[in-house]
Amino acid sequence: MKKILVGAITIGVILGSGSSFAAADELDSISKNENTIQSISASTTKSITTNQFNKVYAAMKKYEGTPYKYGGNSPKTGFDCSGLIQWGYGTQGIKLPRTAQDQYNKTTRIARSALQPG
């Protein structure tokens, strides 16, 4: 369960950062074989403030240790990874797709050549 929660929170950090940039020295650790980095499309989501992200993180952190529930998306039923992310961001009025695949499908490819520091 801890691995799932850590993974879900990691996805939340990536989604919540509001940035599509990676430091040059991080690129190789992100992907040695890929030519692109995934980023949430600005046309499908708004940026999230640090304050909002801290609230999302705090809301999700309260459920650390909750048993994994396939298809779960609420504190009452339990969570799966994408359900936790959707629910957590929903606490701040940010709507995300329900499934991990749909969350992935809302990303936009950014070419390495278009990346900027920041």
PDB file of N, CA and C in Angstrom:
ATOM      1  N   MET A   1       0.818  -1.187   0.000  1.00  0.00           N
ATOM      2  CA  MET A   1       0.000   0.000   0.000  1.00  0.00           C
ATOM      3  C   MET A   1       0.863   1.252   0.000  1.00  0.00           C
ATOM      4  N   LYS A   2       1.986   1.228   0.744  1.00  0.00           N
ATOM      5  CA  LYS A   2       2.849   2.403   0.780  1.00  0.00           C
ATOM      6  C   LYS A   2       3.392   2.729  -0.605  1.00  0.00           C
ATOM      7  N   LYS A   3       3.756   1.689  -1.385  1.00  0.00           N
ATOM      8  CA  LYS A   3       4.261   1.932  -2.732  1.00  0.00           C
ATOM      9  C   LYS A   3       3.195   2.578  -3.599  1.00  0.00           C
ATOM     10  N   ILE A   4       1.953   2.133  -3.451  1.00  0.00           N
ATOM     11  CA  ILE A   4       0.856   2.703  -4.227  1.00  0.00           C
ATOM     12  C   ILE A   4       0.646   4.152  -3.830  1.00  0.00           C
ATOM     13  N   LEU A   5       0.638   4.429  -2.527  1.00  0.00           N
ATOM     14  CA  LEU A   5       0.435   5.795  -2.068  1.00  0.00           C
ATOM     15  C   LEU A   5       1.576   6.688  -2.517  1.00  0.00           C
ATOM     16  N   VAL A   6       2.804   6.214  -2.404  1.00  0.00           N
ATOM     17  CA  VAL A   6       3.954   7.000  -2.848  1.00  0.00           C
ATOM     18  C   VAL A   6       3.842   7.269  -4.343  1.00  0.00           C
ATOM     19  N   GLY A   7       3.457   6.257  -5.110  1.00  0.00           N
ATOM     20  CA  GLY A   7       3.278   6.444  -6.543  1.00  0.00           C
ATOM     21  C   GLY A   7       2.178   7.435  -6.856  1.00  0.00           C
ATOM     22  N   ALA A   8       1.074   7.334  -6.139  1.00  0.00           N
ATOM     23  CA  ALA A   8      -0.042   8.254  -6.358  1.00  0.00           C
ATOM     24  C   ALA A   8       0.353   9.676  -6.005  1.00  0.00           C
ATOM     25  N   ILE A   9       1.061   9.845  -4.916  1.00  0.00           N
ATOM     26  CA  ILE A   9       1.497  11.186  -4.517  1.00  0.00           C
ATOM     27  C   ILE A   9       2.517  11.719  -5.518  1.00  0.00           C
ATOM     28  N   THR A  10       3.381  10.857  -6.017  1.00  0.00           N
ATOM     29  CA  THR A  10       4.350  11.279  -7.031  1.00  0.00           C
ATOM     30  C   THR A  10       3.635  11.772  -8.276  1.00  0.00           C
ATOM     31  N   ILE A  11       2.614  11.049  -8.712  1.00  0.00           N
ATOM     32  CA  ILE A  11       1.833  11.497  -9.860  1.00  0.00           C
ATOM     33  C   ILE A  11       1.199  12.842  -9.543  1.00  0.00           C
ATOM     34  N   GLY A  12       0.699  12.982  -8.327  1.00  0.00           N
ATOM     35  CA  GLY A  12       0.108  14.251  -7.918  1.00  0.00           C
ATOM     36  C   GLY A  12       1.094  15.391  -7.979  1.00  0.00           C
ATOM     37  N   VAL A  13       2.307  15.151  -7.557  1.00  0.00           N
ATOM     38  CA  VAL A  13       3.344  16.182  -7.615  1.00  0.00           C
ATOM     39  C   VAL A  13       3.594  16.579  -9.060  1.00  0.00           C
ATOM     40  N   ILE A  14       3.680  15.589  -9.935  1.00  0.00           N
ATOM     41  CA  ILE A  14       3.923  15.878 -11.345  1.00  0.00           C
ATOM     42  C   ILE A  14       2.759  16.660 -11.936  1.00  0.00           C
ATOM     43  N   LEU A  15       1.545  16.205 -11.680  1.00  0.00           N
ATOM     44  CA  LEU A  15       0.369  16.894 -12.209  1.00  0.00           C
ATOM     45  C   LEU A  15       0.200  18.264 -11.593  1.00  0.00           C
ATOM     46  N   GLY A  16       0.540  18.380 -10.324  1.00  0.00           N
ATOM     47  CA  GLY A  16       0.314  19.621  -9.607  1.00  0.00           C
ATOM     48  C   GLY A  16       1.370  20.664  -9.791  1.00  0.00           C
ATOM     49  N   SER A  17       2.465  20.321 -10.364  1.00  0.00           N
ATOM     50  CA  SER A  17       3.550  21.286 -10.469  1.00  0.00           C
ATOM     51  C   SER A  17       3.213  22.420 -11.412  1.00  0.00           C
ATOM     52  N   GLY A  18       2.332  22.192 -12.365  1.00  0.00           N
ATOM     53  CA  GLY A  18       1.949  23.248 -13.288  1.00  0.00           C
ATOM     54  C   GLY A  18       3.063  23.620 -14.251  1.00  0.00           C
ATOM     55  N   SER A  19       4.093  22.844 -14.326  1.00  0.00           N
ATOM     56  CA  SER A  19       5.235  23.158 -15.169  1.00  0.00           C
ATOM     57  C   SER A  19       5.496  22.014 -16.130  1.00  0.00           C
ATOM     58  N   SER A  20       5.897  22.363 -17.340  1.00  0.00           N
ATOM     59  CA  SER A  20       6.234  21.332 -18.311  1.00  0.00           C
ATOM     60  C   SER A  20       7.733  21.296 -18.565  1.00  0.00           C
ATOM     61  N   PHE A  21       8.506  21.856 -17.653  1.00  0.00           N
ATOM     62  CA  PHE A  21       9.938  21.945 -17.839  1.00  0.00           C
ATOM     63  C   PHE A  21      10.680  21.008 -16.905  1.00  0.00           C
ATOM     64  N   ALA A  22      11.846  20.576 -17.329  1.00  0.00           N
ATOM     65  CA  ALA A  22      12.713  19.754 -16.497  1.00  0.00           C
ATOM     66  C   ALA A  22      14.128  20.292 -16.616  1.00  0.00           C
ATOM     67  N   ALA A  23      14.870  20.239 -15.536  1.00  0.00           N
ATOM     68  CA  ALA A  23      16.257  20.670 -15.567  1.00  0.00           C
ATOM     69  C   ALA A  23      17.037  19.759 -16.507  1.00  0.00           C
ATOM     70  N   ALA A  24      18.018  20.327 -17.191  1.00  0.00           N
ATOM     71  CA  ALA A  24      18.777  19.565 -18.180  1.00  0.00           C
ATOM     72  C   ALA A  24      19.403  18.311 -17.585  1.00  0.00           C
ATOM     73  N   ASP A  25      19.927  18.409 -16.366  1.00  0.00           N
ATOM     74  CA  ASP A  25      20.576  17.244 -15.764  1.00  0.00           C
ATOM     75  C   ASP A  25      19.573  16.191 -15.308  1.00  0.00           C
ATOM     76  N   GLU A  26      18.291  16.519 -15.282  1.00  0.00           N
ATOM     77  CA  GLU A  26      17.272  15.550 -14.897  1.00  0.00           C
ATOM     78  C   GLU A  26      16.766  14.740 -16.086  1.00  0.00           C
ATOM     79  N   LEU A  27      17.001  15.231 -17.286  1.00  0.00           N
ATOM     80  CA  LEU A  27      16.428  14.586 -18.463  1.00  0.00           C
ATOM     81  C   LEU A  27      16.848  13.132 -18.606  1.00  0.00           C
ATOM     82  N   ASP A  28      18.128  12.849 -18.421  1.00  0.00           N
ATOM     83  CA  ASP A  28      18.580  11.472 -18.577  1.00  0.00           C
ATOM     84  C   ASP A  28      17.963  10.562 -17.540  1.00  0.00           C
ATOM     85  N   SER A  29      17.758  11.066 -16.321  1.00  0.00           N
ATOM     86  CA  SER A  29      17.141  10.222 -15.307  1.00  0.00           C
ATOM     87  C   SER A  29      15.653  10.041 -15.554  1.00  0.00           C
ATOM     88  N   ILE A  30      15.037  10.979 -16.238  1.00  0.00           N
ATOM     89  CA  ILE A  30      13.620  10.848 -16.563  1.00  0.00           C
ATOM     90  C   ILE A  30      13.435   9.774 -17.626  1.00  0.00           C
ATOM     91  N   SER A  31      14.231   9.851 -18.659  1.00  0.00           N
ATOM     92  CA  SER A  31      14.085   8.861 -19.721  1.00  0.00           C
ATOM     93  C   SER A  31      15.299   8.895 -20.624  1.00  0.00           C
ATOM     94  N   LYS A  32      16.014   7.793 -20.690  1.00  0.00           N
ATOM     95  CA  LYS A  32      17.179   7.727 -21.559  1.00  0.00           C
ATOM     96  C   LYS A  32      16.786   7.379 -22.989  1.00  0.00           C
ATOM     97  N   ASN A  33      15.683   6.698 -23.158  1.00  0.00           N
ATOM     98  CA  ASN A  33      15.317   6.211 -24.482  1.00  0.00           C
ATOM     99  C   ASN A  33      14.179   6.983 -25.129  1.00  0.00           C
ATOM    100  N   GLU A  34      13.567   7.875 -24.395  1.00  0.00           N
ATOM    101  CA  GLU A  34      12.431   8.614 -24.931  1.00  0.00           C
ATOM    102  C   GLU A  34      12.892   9.958 -25.481  1.00  0.00           C
ATOM    103  N   ASN A  35      12.214  10.435 -26.483  1.00  0.00           N
ATOM    104  CA  ASN A  35      12.528  11.743 -27.045  1.00  0.00           C
ATOM    105  C   ASN A  35      11.586  12.814 -26.537  1.00  0.00           C
ATOM    106  N   THR A  36      10.662  12.424 -25.692  1.00  0.00           N
ATOM    107  CA  THR A  36       9.673  13.383 -25.219  1.00  0.00           C
ATOM    108  C   THR A  36       9.458  13.249 -23.726  1.00  0.00           C
ATOM    109  N   ILE A  37       8.926  14.268 -23.154  1.00  0.00           N
ATOM    110  CA  ILE A  37       8.521  14.313 -21.756  1.00  0.00           C
ATOM    111  C   ILE A  37       7.019  14.584 -21.754  1.00  0.00           C
ATOM    112  N   GLN A  38       6.316  13.936 -20.839  1.00  0.00           N
ATOM    113  CA  GLN A  38       4.876  14.150 -20.755  1.00  0.00           C
ATOM    114  C   GLN A  38       4.573  15.367 -19.888  1.00  0.00           C
ATOM    115  N   SER A  39       3.593  16.101 -20.272  1.00  0.00           N
ATOM    116  CA  SER A  39       3.158  17.257 -19.504  1.00  0.00           C
ATOM    117  C   SER A  39       1.647  17.390 -19.645  1.00  0.00           C
ATOM    118  N   ILE A  40       1.016  17.857 -18.610  1.00  0.00           N
ATOM    119  CA  ILE A  40      -0.415  18.115 -18.705  1.00  0.00           C
ATOM    120  C   ILE A  40      -0.633  19.298 -19.641  1.00  0.00           C
ATOM    121  N   SER A  41      -1.540  19.147 -20.553  1.00  0.00           N
ATOM    122  CA  SER A  41      -1.821  20.196 -21.520  1.00  0.00           C
ATOM    123  C   SER A  41      -2.458  21.394 -20.837  1.00  0.00           C
ATOM    124  N   ALA A  42      -1.949  22.564 -21.159  1.00  0.00           N
ATOM    125  CA  ALA A  42      -2.499  23.788 -20.584  1.00  0.00           C
ATOM    126  C   ALA A  42      -3.946  23.985 -21.010  1.00  0.00           C
ATOM    127  N   SER A  43      -4.340  23.398 -22.133  1.00  0.00           N
ATOM    128  CA  SER A  43      -5.710  23.575 -22.608  1.00  0.00           C
ATOM    129  C   SER A  43      -6.709  22.724 -21.837  1.00  0.00           C
ATOM    130  N   THR A  44      -6.238  21.744 -21.074  1.00  0.00           N
ATOM    131  CA  THR A  44      -7.174  20.878 -20.368  1.00  0.00           C
ATOM    132  C   THR A  44      -7.180  21.101 -18.865  1.00  0.00           C
ATOM    133  N   THR A  45      -6.185  21.764 -18.325  1.00  0.00           N
ATOM    134  CA  THR A  45      -6.143  22.006 -16.890  1.00  0.00           C
ATOM    135  C   THR A  45      -5.606  23.393 -16.610  1.00  0.00           C
ATOM    136  N   LYS A  46      -5.850  23.859 -15.416  1.00  0.00           N
ATOM    137  CA  LYS A  46      -5.278  25.113 -14.962  1.00  0.00           C
ATOM    138  C   LYS A  46      -4.037  24.801 -14.146  1.00  0.00           C
ATOM    139  N   SER A  47      -3.187  25.792 -14.010  1.00  0.00           N
ATOM    140  CA  SER A  47      -2.051  25.623 -13.115  1.00  0.00           C
ATOM    141  C   SER A  47      -2.573  25.573 -11.687  1.00  0.00           C
ATOM    142  N   ILE A  48      -1.815  24.945 -10.840  1.00  0.00           N
ATOM    143  CA  ILE A  48      -2.201  24.839  -9.440  1.00  0.00           C
ATOM    144  C   ILE A  48      -1.195  25.635  -8.616  1.00  0.00           C
ATOM    145  N   THR A  49      -1.689  26.349  -7.645  1.00  0.00           N
ATOM    146  CA  THR A  49      -0.798  27.123  -6.789  1.00  0.00           C
ATOM    147  C   THR A  49      -0.131  26.204  -5.773  1.00  0.00           C
ATOM    148  N   THR A  50       0.951  26.688  -5.202  1.00  0.00           N
ATOM    149  CA  THR A  50       1.631  25.923  -4.155  1.00  0.00           C
ATOM    150  C   THR A  50       0.690  25.677  -2.992  1.00  0.00           C
ATOM    151  N   ASN A  51      -0.101  26.671  -2.631  1.00  0.00           N
ATOM    152  CA  ASN A  51      -1.055  26.524  -1.531  1.00  0.00           C
ATOM    153  C   ASN A  51      -2.084  25.438  -1.845  1.00  0.00           C
ATOM    154  N   GLN A  52      -2.610  25.440  -3.066  1.00  0.00           N
ATOM    155  CA  GLN A  52      -3.569  24.401  -3.457  1.00  0.00           C
ATOM    156  C   GLN A  52      -2.916  23.026  -3.405  1.00  0.00           C
ATOM    157  N   PHE A  53      -1.698  22.921  -3.942  1.00  0.00           N
ATOM    158  CA  PHE A  53      -1.031  21.629  -3.934  1.00  0.00           C
ATOM    159  C   PHE A  53      -0.803  21.144  -2.509  1.00  0.00           C
ATOM    160  N   ASN A  54      -0.397  22.038  -1.616  1.00  0.00           N
ATOM    161  CA  ASN A  54      -0.185  21.639  -0.223  1.00  0.00           C
ATOM    162  C   ASN A  54      -1.468  21.093   0.390  1.00  0.00           C
ATOM    163  N   LYS A  55      -2.600  21.687   0.035  1.00  0.00           N
ATOM    164  CA  LYS A  55      -3.890  21.201   0.534  1.00  0.00           C
ATOM    165  C   LYS A  55      -4.246  19.843  -0.077  1.00  0.00           C
ATOM    166  N   VAL A  56      -3.962  19.674  -1.364  1.00  0.00           N
ATOM    167  CA  VAL A  56      -4.195  18.387  -2.028  1.00  0.00           C
ATOM    168  C   VAL A  56      -3.351  17.315  -1.352  1.00  0.00           C
ATOM    169  N   TYR A  57      -2.079  17.617  -1.164  1.00  0.00           N
ATOM    170  CA  TYR A  57      -1.157  16.658  -0.541  1.00  0.00           C
ATOM    171  C   TYR A  57      -1.627  16.300   0.867  1.00  0.00           C
ATOM    172  N   ALA A  58      -2.012  17.305   1.649  1.00  0.00           N
ATOM    173  CA  ALA A  58      -2.470  17.055   3.022  1.00  0.00           C
ATOM    174  C   ALA A  58      -3.725  16.184   3.026  1.00  0.00           C
ATOM    175  N   ALA A  59      -4.642  16.443   2.097  1.00  0.00           N
ATOM    176  CA  ALA A  59      -5.873  15.643   2.020  1.00  0.00           C
ATOM    177  C   ALA A  59      -5.544  14.190   1.693  1.00  0.00           C
ATOM    178  N   MET A  60      -4.641  13.968   0.745  1.00  0.00           N
ATOM    179  CA  MET A  60      -4.286  12.595   0.364  1.00  0.00           C
ATOM    180  C   MET A  60      -3.468  11.913   1.453  1.00  0.00           C
ATOM    181  N   LYS A  61      -2.605  12.653   2.102  1.00  0.00           N
ATOM    182  CA  LYS A  61      -1.722  12.091   3.131  1.00  0.00           C
ATOM    183  C   LYS A  61      -2.529  11.514   4.293  1.00  0.00           C
ATOM    184  N   LYS A  62      -3.699  12.095   4.577  1.00  0.00           N
ATOM    185  CA  LYS A  62      -4.540  11.599   5.673  1.00  0.00           C
ATOM    186  C   LYS A  62      -4.961  10.147   5.463  1.00  0.00           C
ATOM    187  N   TYR A  63      -4.959   9.704   4.213  1.00  0.00           N
ATOM    188  CA  TYR A  63      -5.421   8.356   3.905  1.00  0.00           C
ATOM    189  C   TYR A  63      -4.275   7.380   3.658  1.00  0.00           C
ATOM    190  N   GLU A  64      -3.068   7.774   4.029  1.00  0.00           N
ATOM    191  CA  GLU A  64      -1.940   6.854   3.936  1.00  0.00           C
ATOM    192  C   GLU A  64      -2.243   5.637   4.802  1.00  0.00           C
ATOM    193  N   GLY A  65      -2.032   4.467   4.251  1.00  0.00           N
ATOM    194  CA  GLY A  65      -2.322   3.232   4.978  1.00  0.00           C
ATOM    195  C   GLY A  65      -3.695   2.664   4.686  1.00  0.00           C
ATOM    196  N   THR A  66      -4.540   3.420   3.983  1.00  0.00           N
ATOM    197  CA  THR A  66      -5.856   2.912   3.597  1.00  0.00           C
ATOM    198  C   THR A  66      -5.661   1.762   2.615  1.00  0.00           C
ATOM    199  N   PRO A  67      -6.350   0.653   2.811  1.00  0.00           N
ATOM    200  CA  PRO A  67      -6.179  -0.475   1.894  1.00  0.00           C
ATOM    201  C   PRO A  67      -6.532  -0.100   0.447  1.00  0.00           C
ATOM    202  N   TYR A  68      -5.778  -0.659  -0.482  1.00  0.00           N
ATOM    203  CA  TYR A  68      -6.031  -0.474  -1.906  1.00  0.00           C
ATOM    204  C   TYR A  68      -7.381  -1.083  -2.259  1.00  0.00           C
ATOM    205  N   LYS A  69      -8.149  -0.372  -3.064  1.00  0.00           N
ATOM    206  CA  LYS A  69      -9.446  -0.868  -3.528  1.00  0.00           C
ATOM    207  C   LYS A  69      -9.532  -0.632  -5.029  1.00  0.00           C
ATOM    208  N   TYR A  70      -9.511  -1.713  -5.802  1.00  0.00           N
ATOM    209  CA  TYR A  70      -9.601  -1.582  -7.251  1.00  0.00           C
ATOM    210  C   TYR A  70     -10.859  -0.797  -7.611  1.00  0.00           C
ATOM    211  N   GLY A  71     -10.696   0.263  -8.377  1.00  0.00           N
ATOM    212  CA  GLY A  71     -11.827   1.093  -8.782  1.00  0.00           C
ATOM    213  C   GLY A  71     -12.282   2.058  -7.708  1.00  0.00           C
ATOM    214  N   GLY A  72     -11.601   2.058  -6.556  1.00  0.00           N
ATOM    215  CA  GLY A  72     -12.005   2.926  -5.453  1.00  0.00           C
ATOM    216  C   GLY A  72     -11.642   4.376  -5.703  1.00  0.00           C
ATOM    217  N   ASN A  73     -12.548   5.271  -5.311  1.00  0.00           N
ATOM    218  CA  ASN A  73     -12.293   6.691  -5.540  1.00  0.00           C
ATOM    219  C   ASN A  73     -12.843   7.588  -4.438  1.00  0.00           C
ATOM    220  N   SER A  74     -12.975   7.038  -3.232  1.00  0.00           N
ATOM    221  CA  SER A  74     -13.450   7.866  -2.129  1.00  0.00           C
ATOM    222  C   SER A  74     -12.920   7.319  -0.808  1.00  0.00           C
ATOM    223  N   PRO A  75     -12.897   8.181   0.214  1.00  0.00           N
ATOM    224  CA  PRO A  75     -12.453   7.719   1.532  1.00  0.00           C
ATOM    225  C   PRO A  75     -13.322   6.586   2.075  1.00  0.00           C
ATOM    226  N   LYS A  76     -14.601   6.575   1.719  1.00  0.00           N
ATOM    227  CA  LYS A  76     -15.507   5.544   2.234  1.00  0.00           C
ATOM    228  C   LYS A  76     -15.252   4.180   1.604  1.00  0.00           C
ATOM    229  N   THR A  77     -14.926   4.171   0.306  1.00  0.00           N
ATOM    230  CA  THR A  77     -14.754   2.897  -0.396  1.00  0.00           C
ATOM    231  C   THR A  77     -13.302   2.468  -0.506  1.00  0.00           C
ATOM    232  N   GLY A  78     -12.378   3.377  -0.255  1.00  0.00           N
ATOM    233  CA  GLY A  78     -10.956   3.121  -0.486  1.00  0.00           C
ATOM    234  C   GLY A  78     -10.563   3.670  -1.848  1.00  0.00           C
ATOM    235  N   PHE A  79      -9.273   3.590  -2.152  1.00  0.00           N
ATOM    236  CA  PHE A  79      -8.768   4.201  -3.378  1.00  0.00           C
ATOM    237  C   PHE A  79      -7.926   3.231  -4.181  1.00  0.00           C
ATOM    238  N   ASP A  80      -7.946   3.433  -5.499  1.00  0.00           N
ATOM    239  CA  ASP A  80      -6.866   2.919  -6.326  1.00  0.00           C
ATOM    240  C   ASP A  80      -6.011   4.148  -6.650  1.00  0.00           C
ATOM    241  N   CYS A  81      -4.922   3.970  -7.393  1.00  0.00           N
ATOM    242  CA  CYS A  81      -3.986   5.084  -7.563  1.00  0.00           C
ATOM    243  C   CYS A  81      -4.618   6.291  -8.259  1.00  0.00           C
ATOM    244  N   SER A  82      -5.299   6.078  -9.377  1.00  0.00           N
ATOM    245  CA  SER A  82      -5.877   7.211 -10.090  1.00  0.00           C
ATOM    246  C   SER A  82      -7.080   7.787  -9.350  1.00  0.00           C
ATOM    247  N   GLY A  83      -7.788   6.948  -8.610  1.00  0.00           N
ATOM    248  CA  GLY A  83      -8.912   7.435  -7.806  1.00  0.00           C
ATOM    249  C   GLY A  83      -8.451   8.375  -6.708  1.00  0.00           C
ATOM    250  N   LEU A  84      -7.318   8.050  -6.080  1.00  0.00           N
ATOM    251  CA  LEU A  84      -6.762   8.923  -5.047  1.00  0.00           C
ATOM    252  C   LEU A  84      -6.349  10.263  -5.640  1.00  0.00           C
ATOM    253  N   ILE A  85      -5.705  10.232  -6.789  1.00  0.00           N
ATOM    254  CA  ILE A  85      -5.279  11.471  -7.439  1.00  0.00           C
ATOM    255  C   ILE A  85      -6.493  12.310  -7.820  1.00  0.00           C
ATOM    256  N   GLN A  86      -7.489  11.690  -8.442  1.00  0.00           N
ATOM    257  CA  GLN A  86      -8.688  12.427  -8.839  1.00  0.00           C
ATOM    258  C   GLN A  86      -9.380  13.023  -7.619  1.00  0.00           C
ATOM    259  N   TRP A  87      -9.538  12.229  -6.576  1.00  0.00           N
ATOM    260  CA  TRP A  87     -10.207  12.702  -5.367  1.00  0.00           C
ATOM    261  C   TRP A  87      -9.410  13.828  -4.711  1.00  0.00           C
ATOM    262  N   GLY A  88      -8.089  13.638  -4.584  1.00  0.00           N
ATOM    263  CA  GLY A  88      -7.252  14.643  -3.933  1.00  0.00           C
ATOM    264  C   GLY A  88      -7.327  15.990  -4.623  1.00  0.00           C
ATOM    265  N   TYR A  89      -7.190  15.995  -5.927  1.00  0.00           N
ATOM    266  CA  TYR A  89      -7.269  17.255  -6.662  1.00  0.00           C
ATOM    267  C   TYR A  89      -8.687  17.809  -6.640  1.00  0.00           C
ATOM    268  N   GLY A  90      -9.671  16.928  -6.590  1.00  0.00           N
ATOM    269  CA  GLY A  90     -11.059  17.367  -6.494  1.00  0.00           C
ATOM    270  C   GLY A  90     -11.348  18.151  -5.225  1.00  0.00           C
ATOM    271  N   THR A  91     -10.574  17.905  -4.159  1.00  0.00           N
ATOM    272  CA  THR A  91     -10.776  18.669  -2.923  1.00  0.00           C
ATOM    273  C   THR A  91     -10.495  20.147  -3.131  1.00  0.00           C
ATOM    274  N   GLN A  92      -9.773  20.483  -4.186  1.00  0.00           N
ATOM    275  CA  GLN A  92      -9.474  21.875  -4.510  1.00  0.00           C
ATOM    276  C   GLN A  92     -10.215  22.347  -5.761  1.00  0.00           C
ATOM    277  N   GLY A  93     -11.232  21.582  -6.162  1.00  0.00           N
ATOM    278  CA  GLY A  93     -12.044  21.974  -7.313  1.00  0.00           C
ATOM    279  C   GLY A  93     -11.376  21.727  -8.655  1.00  0.00           C
ATOM    280  N   ILE A  94     -10.322  20.920  -8.660  1.00  0.00           N
ATOM    281  CA  ILE A  94      -9.614  20.619  -9.901  1.00  0.00           C
ATOM    282  C   ILE A  94     -10.102  19.269 -10.404  1.00  0.00           C
ATOM    283  N   LYS A  95     -10.699  19.275 -11.583  1.00  0.00           N
ATOM    284  CA  LYS A  95     -11.277  18.051 -12.134  1.00  0.00           C
ATOM    285  C   LYS A  95     -10.246  17.336 -13.003  1.00  0.00           C
ATOM    286  N   LEU A  96     -10.023  16.071 -12.681  1.00  0.00           N
ATOM    287  CA  LEU A  96      -9.135  15.220 -13.463  1.00  0.00           C
ATOM    288  C   LEU A  96      -9.924  14.013 -13.948  1.00  0.00           C
ATOM    289  N   PRO A  97      -9.496  13.408 -15.054  1.00  0.00           N
ATOM    290  CA  PRO A  97     -10.158  12.181 -15.511  1.00  0.00           C
ATOM    291  C   PRO A  97     -10.074  11.089 -14.449  1.00  0.00           C
ATOM    292  N   ARG A  98     -10.956  10.111 -14.519  1.00  0.00           N
ATOM    293  CA  ARG A  98     -11.046   9.073 -13.499  1.00  0.00           C
ATOM    294  C   ARG A  98      -9.929   8.041 -13.568  1.00  0.00           C
ATOM    295  N   THR A  99      -9.619   7.536 -14.736  1.00  0.00           N
ATOM    296  CA  THR A  99      -8.659   6.435 -14.816  1.00  0.00           C
ATOM    297  C   THR A  99      -7.254   6.933 -15.142  1.00  0.00           C
ATOM    298  N   ALA A 100      -6.264   6.124 -14.786  1.00  0.00           N
ATOM    299  CA  ALA A 100      -4.874   6.464 -15.095  1.00  0.00           C
ATOM    300  C   ALA A 100      -4.693   6.626 -16.603  1.00  0.00           C
ATOM    301  N   GLN A 101      -5.336   5.773 -17.390  1.00  0.00           N
ATOM    302  CA  GLN A 101      -5.220   5.880 -18.848  1.00  0.00           C
ATOM    303  C   GLN A 101      -5.797   7.201 -19.334  1.00  0.00           C
ATOM    304  N   ASP A 102      -6.965   7.582 -18.819  1.00  0.00           N
ATOM    305  CA  ASP A 102      -7.565   8.852 -19.229  1.00  0.00           C
ATOM    306  C   ASP A 102      -6.728  10.036 -18.751  1.00  0.00           C
ATOM    307  N   GLN A 103      -6.132   9.925 -17.566  1.00  0.00           N
ATOM    308  CA  GLN A 103      -5.241  10.982 -17.090  1.00  0.00           C
ATOM    309  C   GLN A 103      -4.043  11.097 -18.032  1.00  0.00           C
ATOM    310  N   TYR A 104      -3.480   9.963 -18.411  1.00  0.00           N
ATOM    311  CA  TYR A 104      -2.361   9.949 -19.361  1.00  0.00           C
ATOM    312  C   TYR A 104      -2.780  10.542 -20.705  1.00  0.00           C
ATOM    313  N   ASN A 105      -3.979  10.189 -21.180  1.00  0.00           N
ATOM    314  CA  ASN A 105      -4.448  10.672 -22.477  1.00  0.00           C
ATOM    315  C   ASN A 105      -4.609  12.186 -22.515  1.00  0.00           C
ATOM    316  N   LYS A 106      -4.711  12.827 -21.370  1.00  0.00           N
ATOM    317  CA  LYS A 106      -4.842  14.283 -21.310  1.00  0.00           C
ATOM    318  C   LYS A 106      -3.488  14.989 -21.313  1.00  0.00           C
ATOM    319  N   THR A 107      -2.412  14.217 -21.441  1.00  0.00           N
ATOM    320  CA  THR A 107      -1.088  14.827 -21.477  1.00  0.00           C
ATOM    321  C   THR A 107      -0.727  15.219 -22.899  1.00  0.00           C
ATOM    322  N   THR A 108       0.246  16.083 -23.025  1.00  0.00           N
ATOM    323  CA  THR A 108       0.742  16.529 -24.317  1.00  0.00           C
ATOM    324  C   THR A 108       2.234  16.249 -24.382  1.00  0.00           C
ATOM    325  N   ARG A 109       2.688  15.725 -25.499  1.00  0.00           N
ATOM    326  CA  ARG A 109       4.119  15.460 -25.663  1.00  0.00           C
ATOM    327  C   ARG A 109       4.863  16.776 -25.877  1.00  0.00           C
ATOM    328  N   ILE A 110       5.988  16.890 -25.196  1.00  0.00           N
ATOM    329  CA  ILE A 110       6.867  18.045 -25.341  1.00  0.00           C
ATOM    330  C   ILE A 110       8.201  17.510 -25.860  1.00  0.00           C
ATOM    331  N   ALA A 111       8.651  17.999 -26.994  1.00  0.00           N
ATOM    332  CA  ALA A 111       9.925  17.546 -27.553  1.00  0.00           C
ATOM    333  C   ALA A 111      11.069  17.986 -26.650  1.00  0.00           C
ATOM    334  N   ARG A 112      12.092  17.154 -26.553  1.00  0.00           N
ATOM    335  CA  ARG A 112      13.266  17.523 -25.753  1.00  0.00           C
ATOM    336  C   ARG A 112      13.815  18.876 -26.175  1.00  0.00           C
ATOM    337  N   SER A 113      13.823  19.128 -27.463  1.00  0.00           N
ATOM    338  CA  SER A 113      14.380  20.387 -27.969  1.00  0.00           C
ATOM    339  C   SER A 113      13.577  21.601 -27.510  1.00  0.00           C
ATOM    340  N   ALA A 114      12.333  21.387 -27.080  1.00  0.00           N
ATOM    341  CA  ALA A 114      11.485  22.490 -26.628  1.00  0.00           C
ATOM    342  C   ALA A 114      11.547  22.706 -25.120  1.00  0.00           C
ATOM    343  N   LEU A 115      12.239  21.830 -24.398  1.00  0.00           N
ATOM    344  CA  LEU A 115      12.323  21.962 -22.943  1.00  0.00           C
ATOM    345  C   LEU A 115      13.160  23.166 -22.559  1.00  0.00           C
ATOM    346  N   GLN A 116      12.791  23.769 -21.445  1.00  0.00           N
ATOM    347  CA  GLN A 116      13.512  24.923 -20.922  1.00  0.00           C
ATOM    348  C   GLN A 116      13.783  24.702 -19.450  1.00  0.00           C
ATOM    349  N   PRO A 117      14.864  25.294 -18.930  1.00  0.00           N
ATOM    350  CA  PRO A 117      15.118  25.171 -17.489  1.00  0.00           C
ATOM    351  C   PRO A 117      14.002  25.846 -16.699  1.00  0.00           C
ATOM    352  N   GLY A 118      13.757  25.341 -15.522  1.00  0.00           N
ATOM    353  CA  GLY A 118      12.764  25.997 -14.671  1.00  0.00           C
ATOM    354  C   GLY A 118      11.911  25.039 -13.931  1.00  0.00           C
TER     355      GLY A 118
END
